[in-house]
Amino acid sequence: MSKYLKLKLYFNKKVQSYIFSFLSSILLTIIPFLIAKNHFFSYKISQLIILFCAFFQIIIHFIYFLHLNNISKNHWYLISLLFILIIIFIVVFGSIWIMFNLNHHVMT
């Protein structure tokens, strides 16, 4: 197999994976908007569907855009990703805790 043909096959496979991930991300974004706008389901079912769409979109972004599909090769990327998620968790829930605490002390 020639070098050009190998490169062309690799390029086609890479482009196809990007197109698939882009289209699935668009679909997983449109579904929650339609559900929230048109009120197809009850409140609890709508929340559940939106959370599932968000979870699957995160997985698609990790695998196709961040290339975290081979964990044994990219273990440093995974460790840094986990560290970033821990920091985001601390910042978000710390801010929520501070706001509730301030609201409690101001209202009493």
PDB file of N, CA and C in Angstrom:
ATOM      1  N   MET A   1       0.851  -1.171   0.000  1.00  0.00           N
ATOM      2  CA  MET A   1       0.000   0.000   0.000  1.00  0.00           C
ATOM      3  C   MET A   1       0.900   1.239   0.000  1.00  0.00           C
ATOM      4  N   SER A   2       0.582   2.167  -0.816  1.00  0.00           N
ATOM      5  CA  SER A   2       1.427   3.353  -0.918  1.00  0.00           C
ATOM      6  C   SER A   2       1.188   4.290   0.269  1.00  0.00           C
ATOM      7  N   LYS A   3       2.164   5.144   0.458  1.00  0.00           N
ATOM      8  CA  LYS A   3       2.091   6.105   1.557  1.00  0.00           C
ATOM      9  C   LYS A   3       0.917   7.063   1.356  1.00  0.00           C
ATOM     10  N   TYR A   4       0.674   7.451   0.117  1.00  0.00           N
ATOM     11  CA  TYR A   4      -0.433   8.352  -0.198  1.00  0.00           C
ATOM     12  C   TYR A   4      -1.779   7.716   0.132  1.00  0.00           C
ATOM     13  N   LEU A   5      -1.931   6.439  -0.196  1.00  0.00           N
ATOM     14  CA  LEU A   5      -3.193   5.751   0.062  1.00  0.00           C
ATOM     15  C   LEU A   5      -3.429   5.585   1.557  1.00  0.00           C
ATOM     16  N   LYS A   6      -2.379   5.280   2.314  1.00  0.00           N
ATOM     17  CA  LYS A   6      -2.515   5.174   3.776  1.00  0.00           C
ATOM     18  C   LYS A   6      -2.930   6.511   4.379  1.00  0.00           C
ATOM     19  N   LEU A   7      -2.302   7.586   3.897  1.00  0.00           N
ATOM     20  CA  LEU A   7      -2.640   8.916   4.385  1.00  0.00           C
ATOM     21  C   LEU A   7      -4.076   9.277   4.034  1.00  0.00           C
ATOM     22  N   LYS A   8      -4.503   8.926   2.833  1.00  0.00           N
ATOM     23  CA  LYS A   8      -5.868   9.221   2.399  1.00  0.00           C
ATOM     24  C   LYS A   8      -6.886   8.448   3.234  1.00  0.00           C
ATOM     25  N   LEU A   9      -6.626   7.177   3.522  1.00  0.00           N
ATOM     26  CA  LEU A   9      -7.534   6.388   4.352  1.00  0.00           C
ATOM     27  C   LEU A   9      -7.599   6.928   5.766  1.00  0.00           C
ATOM     28  N   TYR A  10      -6.446   7.325   6.308  1.00  0.00           N
ATOM     29  CA  TYR A  10      -6.415   7.903   7.651  1.00  0.00           C
ATOM     30  C   TYR A  10      -7.188   9.204   7.686  1.00  0.00           C
ATOM     31  N   PHE A  11      -6.993  10.044   6.662  1.00  0.00           N
ATOM     32  CA  PHE A  11      -7.692  11.320   6.597  1.00  0.00           C
ATOM     33  C   PHE A  11      -9.195  11.108   6.495  1.00  0.00           C
ATOM     34  N   ASN A  12      -9.624  10.166   5.653  1.00  0.00           N
ATOM     35  CA  ASN A  12     -11.057   9.898   5.512  1.00  0.00           C
ATOM     36  C   ASN A  12     -11.659   9.403   6.813  1.00  0.00           C
ATOM     37  N   LYS A  13     -10.950   8.525   7.510  1.00  0.00           N
ATOM     38  CA  LYS A  13     -11.450   8.007   8.785  1.00  0.00           C
ATOM     39  C   LYS A  13     -11.539   9.117   9.823  1.00  0.00           C
ATOM     40  N   LYS A  14     -10.549   9.985   9.856  1.00  0.00           N
ATOM     41  CA  LYS A  14     -10.535  11.091  10.811  1.00  0.00           C
ATOM     42  C   LYS A  14     -11.657  12.077  10.506  1.00  0.00           C
ATOM     43  N   VAL A  15     -11.837  12.408   9.228  1.00  0.00           N
ATOM     44  CA  VAL A  15     -12.891  13.340   8.838  1.00  0.00           C
ATOM     45  C   VAL A  15     -14.266  12.745   9.142  1.00  0.00           C
ATOM     46  N   GLN A  16     -14.445  11.465   8.879  1.00  0.00           N
ATOM     47  CA  GLN A  16     -15.721  10.819   9.180  1.00  0.00           C
ATOM     48  C   GLN A  16     -16.012  10.837  10.677  1.00  0.00           C
ATOM     49  N   SER A  17     -15.002  10.631  11.500  1.00  0.00           N
ATOM     50  CA  SER A  17     -15.240  10.662  12.948  1.00  0.00           C
ATOM     51  C   SER A  17     -15.599  12.065  13.414  1.00  0.00           C
ATOM     52  N   TYR A  18     -14.962  13.095  12.810  1.00  0.00           N
ATOM     53  CA  TYR A  18     -15.315  14.469  13.174  1.00  0.00           C
ATOM     54  C   TYR A  18     -16.723  14.827  12.714  1.00  0.00           C
ATOM     55  N   ILE A  19     -17.100  14.399  11.543  1.00  0.00           N
ATOM     56  CA  ILE A  19     -18.458  14.675  11.056  1.00  0.00           C
ATOM     57  C   ILE A  19     -19.495  13.975  11.920  1.00  0.00           C
ATOM     58  N   PHE A  20     -19.233  12.703  12.270  1.00  0.00           N
ATOM     59  CA  PHE A  20     -20.159  11.976  13.142  1.00  0.00           C
ATOM     60  C   PHE A  20     -20.286  12.663  14.496  1.00  0.00           C
ATOM     61  N   SER A  21     -19.169  13.054  15.079  1.00  0.00           N
ATOM     62  CA  SER A  21     -19.221  13.679  16.402  1.00  0.00           C
ATOM     63  C   SER A  21     -19.900  15.045  16.344  1.00  0.00           C
ATOM     64  N   PHE A  22     -19.657  15.793  15.274  1.00  0.00           N
ATOM     65  CA  PHE A  22     -20.293  17.099  15.130  1.00  0.00           C
ATOM     66  C   PHE A  22     -21.804  16.958  14.994  1.00  0.00           C
ATOM     67  N   LEU A  23     -22.241  16.036  14.150  1.00  0.00           N
ATOM     68  CA  LEU A  23     -23.677  15.847  13.948  1.00  0.00           C
ATOM     69  C   LEU A  23     -24.358  15.302  15.202  1.00  0.00           C
ATOM     70  N   SER A  24     -23.694  14.392  15.899  1.00  0.00           N
ATOM     71  CA  SER A  24     -24.298  13.876  17.135  1.00  0.00           C
ATOM     72  C   SER A  24     -24.331  14.946  18.212  1.00  0.00           C
ATOM     73  N   SER A  25     -23.345  15.823  18.251  1.00  0.00           N
ATOM     74  CA  SER A  25     -23.375  16.930  19.216  1.00  0.00           C
ATOM     75  C   SER A  25     -24.513  17.893  18.911  1.00  0.00           C
ATOM     76  N   ILE A  26     -24.722  18.155  17.629  1.00  0.00           N
ATOM     77  CA  ILE A  26     -25.837  19.024  17.249  1.00  0.00           C
ATOM     78  C   ILE A  26     -27.163  18.372  17.638  1.00  0.00           C
ATOM     79  N   LEU A  27     -27.296  17.085  17.369  1.00  0.00           N
ATOM     80  CA  LEU A  27     -28.532  16.375  17.718  1.00  0.00           C
ATOM     81  C   LEU A  27     -28.761  16.374  19.232  1.00  0.00           C
ATOM     82  N   LEU A  28     -27.698  16.127  19.997  1.00  0.00           N
ATOM     83  CA  LEU A  28     -27.825  16.102  21.450  1.00  0.00           C
ATOM     84  C   LEU A  28     -27.993  17.496  22.043  1.00  0.00           C
ATOM     85  N   THR A  29     -27.824  18.525  21.254  1.00  0.00           N
ATOM     86  CA  THR A  29     -28.127  19.889  21.700  1.00  0.00           C
ATOM     87  C   THR A  29     -29.557  20.270  21.334  1.00  0.00           C
ATOM     88  N   ILE A  30     -30.007  19.844  20.157  1.00  0.00           N
ATOM     89  CA  ILE A  30     -31.340  20.209  19.692  1.00  0.00           C
ATOM     90  C   ILE A  30     -32.426  19.495  20.508  1.00  0.00           C
ATOM     91  N   ILE A  31     -32.189  18.238  20.873  1.00  0.00           N
ATOM     92  CA  ILE A  31     -33.198  17.468  21.613  1.00  0.00           C
ATOM     93  C   ILE A  31     -33.617  18.160  22.919  1.00  0.00           C
ATOM     94  N   PRO A  32     -32.675  18.582  23.782  1.00  0.00           N
ATOM     95  CA  PRO A  32     -33.123  19.274  25.004  1.00  0.00           C
ATOM     96  C   PRO A  32     -33.834  20.595  24.736  1.00  0.00           C
ATOM     97  N   PHE A  33     -33.402  21.333  23.706  1.00  0.00           N
ATOM     98  CA  PHE A  33     -34.096  22.573  23.382  1.00  0.00           C
ATOM     99  C   PHE A  33     -35.542  22.309  22.961  1.00  0.00           C
ATOM    100  N   LEU A  34     -35.760  21.306  22.133  1.00  0.00           N
ATOM    101  CA  LEU A  34     -37.122  20.983  21.715  1.00  0.00           C
ATOM    102  C   LEU A  34     -37.976  20.506  22.885  1.00  0.00           C
ATOM    103  N   ILE A  35     -37.376  19.700  23.743  1.00  0.00           N
ATOM    104  CA  ILE A  35     -38.125  19.204  24.901  1.00  0.00           C
ATOM    105  C   ILE A  35     -38.483  20.345  25.836  1.00  0.00           C
ATOM    106  N   ALA A  36     -37.548  21.249  26.073  1.00  0.00           N
ATOM    107  CA  ALA A  36     -37.816  22.370  26.981  1.00  0.00           C
ATOM    108  C   ALA A  36     -38.803  23.370  26.379  1.00  0.00           C
ATOM    109  N   LYS A  37     -38.729  23.567  25.071  1.00  0.00           N
ATOM    110  CA  LYS A  37     -39.595  24.554  24.435  1.00  0.00           C
ATOM    111  C   LYS A  37     -41.026  24.052  24.276  1.00  0.00           C
ATOM    112  N   ASN A  38     -41.184  22.798  23.872  1.00  0.00           N
ATOM    113  CA  ASN A  38     -42.512  22.300  23.528  1.00  0.00           C
ATOM    114  C   ASN A  38     -43.198  21.520  24.636  1.00  0.00           C
ATOM    115  N   HIS A  39     -42.519  21.246  25.727  1.00  0.00           N
ATOM    116  CA  HIS A  39     -43.090  20.532  26.878  1.00  0.00           C
ATOM    117  C   HIS A  39     -43.737  19.217  26.463  1.00  0.00           C
ATOM    118  N   PHE A  40     -42.954  18.372  25.789  1.00  0.00           N
ATOM    119  CA  PHE A  40     -43.461  17.080  25.337  1.00  0.00           C
ATOM    120  C   PHE A  40     -43.761  16.136  26.493  1.00  0.00           C
ATOM    121  N   PHE A  41     -42.941  16.195  27.533  1.00  0.00           N
ATOM    122  CA  PHE A  41     -43.040  15.238  28.637  1.00  0.00           C
ATOM    123  C   PHE A  41     -43.276  15.989  29.941  1.00  0.00           C
ATOM    124  N   SER A  42     -43.453  15.231  31.014  1.00  0.00           N
ATOM    125  CA  SER A  42     -43.589  15.862  32.323  1.00  0.00           C
ATOM    126  C   SER A  42     -42.237  16.451  32.729  1.00  0.00           C
ATOM    127  N   TYR A  43     -42.243  17.230  33.812  1.00  0.00           N
ATOM    128  CA  TYR A  43     -41.044  17.940  34.249  1.00  0.00           C
ATOM    129  C   TYR A  43     -39.915  16.974  34.597  1.00  0.00           C
ATOM    130  N   LYS A  44     -40.211  15.922  35.330  1.00  0.00           N
ATOM    131  CA  LYS A  44     -39.182  14.959  35.760  1.00  0.00           C
ATOM    132  C   LYS A  44     -38.593  14.197  34.570  1.00  0.00           C
ATOM    133  N   ILE A  45     -39.439  13.763  33.653  1.00  0.00           N
ATOM    134  CA  ILE A  45     -38.951  13.032  32.480  1.00  0.00           C
ATOM    135  C   ILE A  45     -38.121  13.962  31.598  1.00  0.00           C
ATOM    136  N   SER A  46     -38.540  15.211  31.459  1.00  0.00           N
ATOM    137  CA  SER A  46     -37.761  16.178  30.676  1.00  0.00           C
ATOM    138  C   SER A  46     -36.386  16.397  31.292  1.00  0.00           C
ATOM    139  N   GLN A  47     -36.330  16.519  32.611  1.00  0.00           N
ATOM    140  CA  GLN A  47     -35.038  16.674  33.281  1.00  0.00           C
ATOM    141  C   GLN A  47     -34.147  15.471  33.041  1.00  0.00           C
ATOM    142  N   LEU A  48     -34.715  14.292  33.118  1.00  0.00           N
ATOM    143  CA  LEU A  48     -33.948  13.071  32.927  1.00  0.00           C
ATOM    144  C   LEU A  48     -33.396  12.976  31.499  1.00  0.00           C
ATOM    145  N   ILE A  49     -34.210  13.294  30.511  1.00  0.00           N
ATOM    146  CA  ILE A  49     -33.768  13.247  29.118  1.00  0.00           C
ATOM    147  C   ILE A  49     -32.673  14.288  28.868  1.00  0.00           C
ATOM    148  N   ILE A  50     -32.831  15.474  29.430  1.00  0.00           N
ATOM    149  CA  ILE A  50     -31.824  16.522  29.258  1.00  0.00           C
ATOM    150  C   ILE A  50     -30.507  16.114  29.915  1.00  0.00           C
ATOM    151  N   LEU A  51     -30.567  15.500  31.087  1.00  0.00           N
ATOM    152  CA  LEU A  51     -29.343  15.033  31.745  1.00  0.00           C
ATOM    153  C   LEU A  51     -28.660  13.928  30.949  1.00  0.00           C
ATOM    154  N   PHE A  52     -29.440  12.998  30.400  1.00  0.00           N
ATOM    155  CA  PHE A  52     -28.856  11.945  29.569  1.00  0.00           C
ATOM    156  C   PHE A  52     -28.200  12.530  28.318  1.00  0.00           C
ATOM    157  N   CYS A  53     -28.860  13.491  27.681  1.00  0.00           N
ATOM    158  CA  CYS A  53     -28.272  14.131  26.497  1.00  0.00           C
ATOM    159  C   CYS A  53     -26.969  14.848  26.856  1.00  0.00           C
ATOM    160  N   ALA A  54     -26.950  15.525  27.996  1.00  0.00           N
ATOM    161  CA  ALA A  54     -25.726  16.212  28.428  1.00  0.00           C
ATOM    162  C   ALA A  54     -24.615  15.214  28.712  1.00  0.00           C
ATOM    163  N   PHE A  55     -24.958  14.117  29.376  1.00  0.00           N
ATOM    164  CA  PHE A  55     -23.951  13.095  29.691  1.00  0.00           C
ATOM    165  C   PHE A  55     -23.376  12.487  28.420  1.00  0.00           C
ATOM    166  N   PHE A  56     -24.227  12.125  27.467  1.00  0.00           N
ATOM    167  CA  PHE A  56     -23.737  11.533  26.228  1.00  0.00           C
ATOM    168  C   PHE A  56     -22.948  12.539  25.390  1.00  0.00           C
ATOM    169  N   GLN A  57     -23.318  13.803  25.467  1.00  0.00           N
ATOM    170  CA  GLN A  57     -22.556  14.807  24.737  1.00  0.00           C
ATOM    171  C   GLN A  57     -21.172  14.981  25.351  1.00  0.00           C
ATOM    172  N   ILE A  58     -21.068  14.913  26.664  1.00  0.00           N
ATOM    173  CA  ILE A  58     -19.760  14.974  27.319  1.00  0.00           C
ATOM    174  C   ILE A  58     -18.899  13.790  26.896  1.00  0.00           C
ATOM    175  N   ILE A  59     -19.497  12.602  26.853  1.00  0.00           N
ATOM    176  CA  ILE A  59     -18.750  11.408  26.442  1.00  0.00           C
ATOM    177  C   ILE A  59     -18.271  11.549  24.992  1.00  0.00           C
ATOM    178  N   ILE A  60     -19.133  12.032  24.123  1.00  0.00           N
ATOM    179  CA  ILE A  60     -18.754  12.208  22.717  1.00  0.00           C
ATOM    180  C   ILE A  60     -17.613  13.219  22.585  1.00  0.00           C
ATOM    181  N   HIS A  61     -17.684  14.294  23.343  1.00  0.00           N
ATOM    182  CA  HIS A  61     -16.611  15.289  23.283  1.00  0.00           C
ATOM    183  C   HIS A  61     -15.300  14.709  23.804  1.00  0.00           C
ATOM    184  N   PHE A  62     -15.356  13.934  24.871  1.00  0.00           N
ATOM    185  CA  PHE A  62     -14.133  13.320  25.401  1.00  0.00           C
ATOM    186  C   PHE A  62     -13.519  12.363  24.390  1.00  0.00           C
ATOM    187  N   ILE A  63     -14.331  11.546  23.763  1.00  0.00           N
ATOM    188  CA  ILE A  63     -13.798  10.518  22.866  1.00  0.00           C
ATOM    189  C   ILE A  63     -13.354  11.107  21.538  1.00  0.00           C
ATOM    190  N   TYR A  64     -14.190  11.910  20.907  1.00  0.00           N
ATOM    191  CA  TYR A  64     -13.907  12.336  19.533  1.00  0.00           C
ATOM    192  C   TYR A  64     -13.118  13.642  19.443  1.00  0.00           C
ATOM    193  N   PHE A  65     -13.371  14.603  20.321  1.00  0.00           N
ATOM    194  CA  PHE A  65     -12.692  15.886  20.205  1.00  0.00           C
ATOM    195  C   PHE A  65     -11.440  15.964  21.078  1.00  0.00           C
ATOM    196  N   LEU A  66     -11.479  15.386  22.273  1.00  0.00           N
ATOM    197  CA  LEU A  66     -10.300  15.391  23.140  1.00  0.00           C
ATOM    198  C   LEU A  66      -9.437  14.150  22.961  1.00  0.00           C
ATOM    199  N   HIS A  67      -9.902  13.205  22.169  1.00  0.00           N
ATOM    200  CA  HIS A  67      -9.165  11.976  21.834  1.00  0.00           C
ATOM    201  C   HIS A  67      -8.775  11.182  23.083  1.00  0.00           C
ATOM    202  N   LEU A  68      -9.697  11.031  24.003  1.00  0.00           N
ATOM    203  CA  LEU A  68      -9.458  10.235  25.210  1.00  0.00           C
ATOM    204  C   LEU A  68     -10.032   8.836  25.061  1.00  0.00           C
ATOM    205  N   ASN A  69      -9.970   8.275  23.867  1.00  0.00           N
ATOM    206  CA  ASN A  69     -10.533   6.952  23.633  1.00  0.00           C
ATOM    207  C   ASN A  69      -9.570   5.837  24.005  1.00  0.00           C
ATOM    208  N   ASN A  70      -8.284   6.103  24.058  1.00  0.00           N
ATOM    209  CA  ASN A  70      -7.305   5.096  24.452  1.00  0.00           C
ATOM    210  C   ASN A  70      -6.652   5.551  25.747  1.00  0.00           C
ATOM    211  N   ILE A  71      -7.181   5.080  26.865  1.00  0.00           N
ATOM    212  CA  ILE A  71      -6.761   5.580  28.170  1.00  0.00           C
ATOM    213  C   ILE A  71      -5.329   5.157  28.500  1.00  0.00           C
ATOM    214  N   SER A  72      -4.892   3.982  28.053  1.00  0.00           N
ATOM    215  CA  SER A  72      -3.542   3.546  28.380  1.00  0.00           C
ATOM    216  C   SER A  72      -2.492   4.452  27.734  1.00  0.00           C
ATOM    217  N   LYS A  73      -2.786   4.995  26.562  1.00  0.00           N
ATOM    218  CA  LYS A  73      -1.872   5.904  25.897  1.00  0.00           C
ATOM    219  C   LYS A  73      -1.928   7.311  26.484  1.00  0.00           C
ATOM    220  N   ASN A  74      -3.084   7.737  26.873  1.00  0.00           N
ATOM    221  CA  ASN A  74      -3.308   9.120  27.289  1.00  0.00           C
ATOM    222  C   ASN A  74      -3.565   9.240  28.784  1.00  0.00           C
ATOM    223  N   HIS A  75      -2.838   8.488  29.598  1.00  0.00           N
ATOM    224  CA  HIS A  75      -3.145   8.522  31.023  1.00  0.00           C
ATOM    225  C   HIS A  75      -2.848   9.876  31.650  1.00  0.00           C
ATOM    226  N   TRP A  76      -1.888  10.648  31.138  1.00  0.00           N
ATOM    227  CA  TRP A  76      -1.631  11.970  31.690  1.00  0.00           C
ATOM    228  C   TRP A  76      -2.758  12.938  31.335  1.00  0.00           C
ATOM    229  N   TYR A  77      -3.324  12.783  30.168  1.00  0.00           N
ATOM    230  CA  TYR A  77      -4.476  13.609  29.807  1.00  0.00           C
ATOM    231  C   TYR A  77      -5.664  13.306  30.717  1.00  0.00           C
ATOM    232  N   LEU A  78      -5.852  12.021  31.015  1.00  0.00           N
ATOM    233  CA  LEU A  78      -6.957  11.634  31.887  1.00  0.00           C
ATOM    234  C   LEU A  78      -6.751  12.147  33.307  1.00  0.00           C
ATOM    235  N   ILE A  79      -5.518  12.088  33.797  1.00  0.00           N
ATOM    236  CA  ILE A  79      -5.227  12.592  35.146  1.00  0.00           C
ATOM    237  C   ILE A  79      -5.456  14.098  35.208  1.00  0.00           C
ATOM    238  N   SER A  80      -5.005  14.828  34.202  1.00  0.00           N
ATOM    239  CA  SER A  80      -5.228  16.275  34.202  1.00  0.00           C
ATOM    240  C   SER A  80      -6.709  16.603  34.051  1.00  0.00           C
ATOM    241  N   LEU A  81      -7.442  15.804  33.277  1.00  0.00           N
ATOM    242  CA  LEU A  81      -8.880  16.007  33.137  1.00  0.00           C
ATOM    243  C   LEU A  81      -9.587  15.792  34.476  1.00  0.00           C
ATOM    244  N   LEU A  82      -9.211  14.743  35.195  1.00  0.00           N
ATOM    245  CA  LEU A  82      -9.808  14.499  36.508  1.00  0.00           C
ATOM    246  C   LEU A  82      -9.485  15.630  37.484  1.00  0.00           C
ATOM    247  N   PHE A  83      -8.270  16.144  37.427  1.00  0.00           N
ATOM    248  CA  PHE A  83      -7.908  17.274  38.279  1.00  0.00           C
ATOM    249  C   PHE A  83      -8.754  18.500  37.955  1.00  0.00           C
ATOM    250  N   ILE A  84      -8.946  18.775  36.672  1.00  0.00           N
ATOM    251  CA  ILE A  84      -9.768  19.912  36.263  1.00  0.00           C
ATOM    252  C   ILE A  84     -11.210  19.733  36.731  1.00  0.00           C
ATOM    253  N   LEU A  85     -11.736  18.507  36.609  1.00  0.00           N
ATOM    254  CA  LEU A  85     -13.106  18.245  37.064  1.00  0.00           C
ATOM    255  C   LEU A  85     -13.240  18.429  38.570  1.00  0.00           C
ATOM    256  N   ILE A  86     -12.227  18.039  39.329  1.00  0.00           N
ATOM    257  CA  ILE A  86     -12.255  18.244  40.784  1.00  0.00           C
ATOM    258  C   ILE A  86     -12.252  19.734  41.106  1.00  0.00           C
ATOM    259  N   ILE A  87     -11.419  20.500  40.427  1.00  0.00           N
ATOM    260  CA  ILE A  87     -11.369  21.951  40.661  1.00  0.00           C
ATOM    261  C   ILE A  87     -12.700  22.598  40.299  1.00  0.00           C
ATOM    262  N   ILE A  88     -13.286  22.209  39.177  1.00  0.00           N
ATOM    263  CA  ILE A  88     -14.592  22.760  38.782  1.00  0.00           C
ATOM    264  C   ILE A  88     -15.652  22.401  39.809  1.00  0.00           C
ATOM    265  N   PHE A  89     -15.632  21.158  40.295  1.00  0.00           N
ATOM    266  CA  PHE A  89     -16.585  20.725  41.324  1.00  0.00           C
ATOM    267  C   PHE A  89     -16.444  21.584  42.578  1.00  0.00           C
ATOM    268  N   ILE A  90     -15.210  21.814  43.008  1.00  0.00           N
ATOM    269  CA  ILE A  90     -14.977  22.626  44.208  1.00  0.00           C
ATOM    270  C   ILE A  90     -15.463  24.053  44.001  1.00  0.00           C
ATOM    271  N   VAL A  91     -15.170  24.630  42.853  1.00  0.00           N
ATOM    272  CA  VAL A  91     -15.567  26.017  42.595  1.00  0.00           C
ATOM    273  C   VAL A  91     -17.085  26.148  42.509  1.00  0.00           C
ATOM    274  N   VAL A  92     -17.730  25.259  41.772  1.00  0.00           N
ATOM    275  CA  VAL A  92     -19.182  25.372  41.583  1.00  0.00           C
ATOM    276  C   VAL A  92     -19.922  25.111  42.890  1.00  0.00           C
ATOM    277  N   PHE A  93     -19.652  23.979  43.525  1.00  0.00           N
ATOM    278  CA  PHE A  93     -20.403  23.664  44.745  1.00  0.00           C
ATOM    279  C   PHE A  93     -19.953  24.506  45.929  1.00  0.00           C
ATOM    280  N   GLY A  94     -18.705  24.975  45.923  1.00  0.00           N
ATOM    281  CA  GLY A  94     -18.280  25.931  46.946  1.00  0.00           C
ATOM    282  C   GLY A  94     -19.009  27.249  46.802  1.00  0.00           C
ATOM    283  N   SER A  95     -19.196  27.701  45.570  1.00  0.00           N
ATOM    284  CA  SER A  95     -19.936  28.948  45.332  1.00  0.00           C
ATOM    285  C   SER A  95     -21.398  28.801  45.740  1.00  0.00           C
ATOM    286  N   ILE A  96     -21.997  27.663  45.419  1.00  0.00           N
ATOM    287  CA  ILE A  96     -23.391  27.427  45.819  1.00  0.00           C
ATOM    288  C   ILE A  96     -23.509  27.396  47.330  1.00  0.00           C
ATOM    289  N   TRP A  97     -22.572  26.741  48.000  1.00  0.00           N
ATOM    290  CA  TRP A  97     -22.588  26.675  49.464  1.00  0.00           C
ATOM    291  C   TRP A  97     -22.437  28.062  50.078  1.00  0.00           C
ATOM    292  N   ILE A  98     -21.533  28.869  49.512  1.00  0.00           N
ATOM    293  CA  ILE A  98     -21.337  30.229  50.014  1.00  0.00           C
ATOM    294  C   ILE A  98     -22.605  31.056  49.822  1.00  0.00           C
ATOM    295  N   MET A  99     -23.266  30.928  48.671  1.00  0.00           N
ATOM    296  CA  MET A  99     -24.483  31.705  48.417  1.00  0.00           C
ATOM    297  C   MET A  99     -25.610  31.305  49.369  1.00  0.00           C
ATOM    298  N   PHE A 100     -25.771  30.006  49.606  1.00  0.00           N
ATOM    299  CA  PHE A 100     -26.795  29.575  50.554  1.00  0.00           C
ATOM    300  C   PHE A 100     -26.466  30.045  51.964  1.00  0.00           C
ATOM    301  N   ASN A 101     -25.193  29.999  52.322  1.00  0.00           N
ATOM    302  CA  ASN A 101     -24.796  30.438  53.648  1.00  0.00           C
ATOM    303  C   ASN A 101     -25.015  31.945  53.819  1.00  0.00           C
ATOM    304  N   LEU A 102     -24.673  32.736  52.802  1.00  0.00           N
ATOM    305  CA  LEU A 102     -24.917  34.175  52.856  1.00  0.00           C
ATOM    306  C   LEU A 102     -26.408  34.468  52.902  1.00  0.00           C
ATOM    307  N   ASN A 103     -27.199  33.735  52.122  1.00  0.00           N
ATOM    308  CA  ASN A 103     -28.646  33.945  52.129  1.00  0.00           C
ATOM    309  C   ASN A 103     -29.225  33.619  53.508  1.00  0.00           C
ATOM    310  N   HIS A 104     -28.745  32.575  54.119  1.00  0.00           N
ATOM    311  CA  HIS A 104     -29.233  32.191  55.451  1.00  0.00           C
ATOM    312  C   HIS A 104     -28.903  33.267  56.485  1.00  0.00           C
ATOM    313  N   HIS A 105     -27.691  33.785  56.454  1.00  0.00           N
ATOM    314  CA  HIS A 105     -27.289  34.778  57.457  1.00  0.00           C
ATOM    315  C   HIS A 105     -27.902  36.156  57.201  1.00  0.00           C
ATOM    316  N   VAL A 106     -28.201  36.485  55.970  1.00  0.00           N
ATOM    317  CA  VAL A 106     -28.831  37.767  55.671  1.00  0.00           C
ATOM    318  C   VAL A 106     -30.306  37.727  56.039  1.00  0.00           C
ATOM    319  N   MET A 107     -30.955  36.580  55.810  1.00  0.00           N
ATOM    320  CA  MET A 107     -32.396  36.478  56.055  1.00  0.00           C
ATOM    321  C   MET A 107     -32.732  36.318  57.537  1.00  0.00           C
ATOM    322  N   THR A 108     -31.764  35.944  58.366  1.00  0.00           N
ATOM    323  CA  THR A 108     -32.073  35.781  59.806  1.00  0.00           C
ATOM    324  C   THR A 108     -31.717  36.994  60.591  1.00  0.00           C
TER     325      THR A 108
END
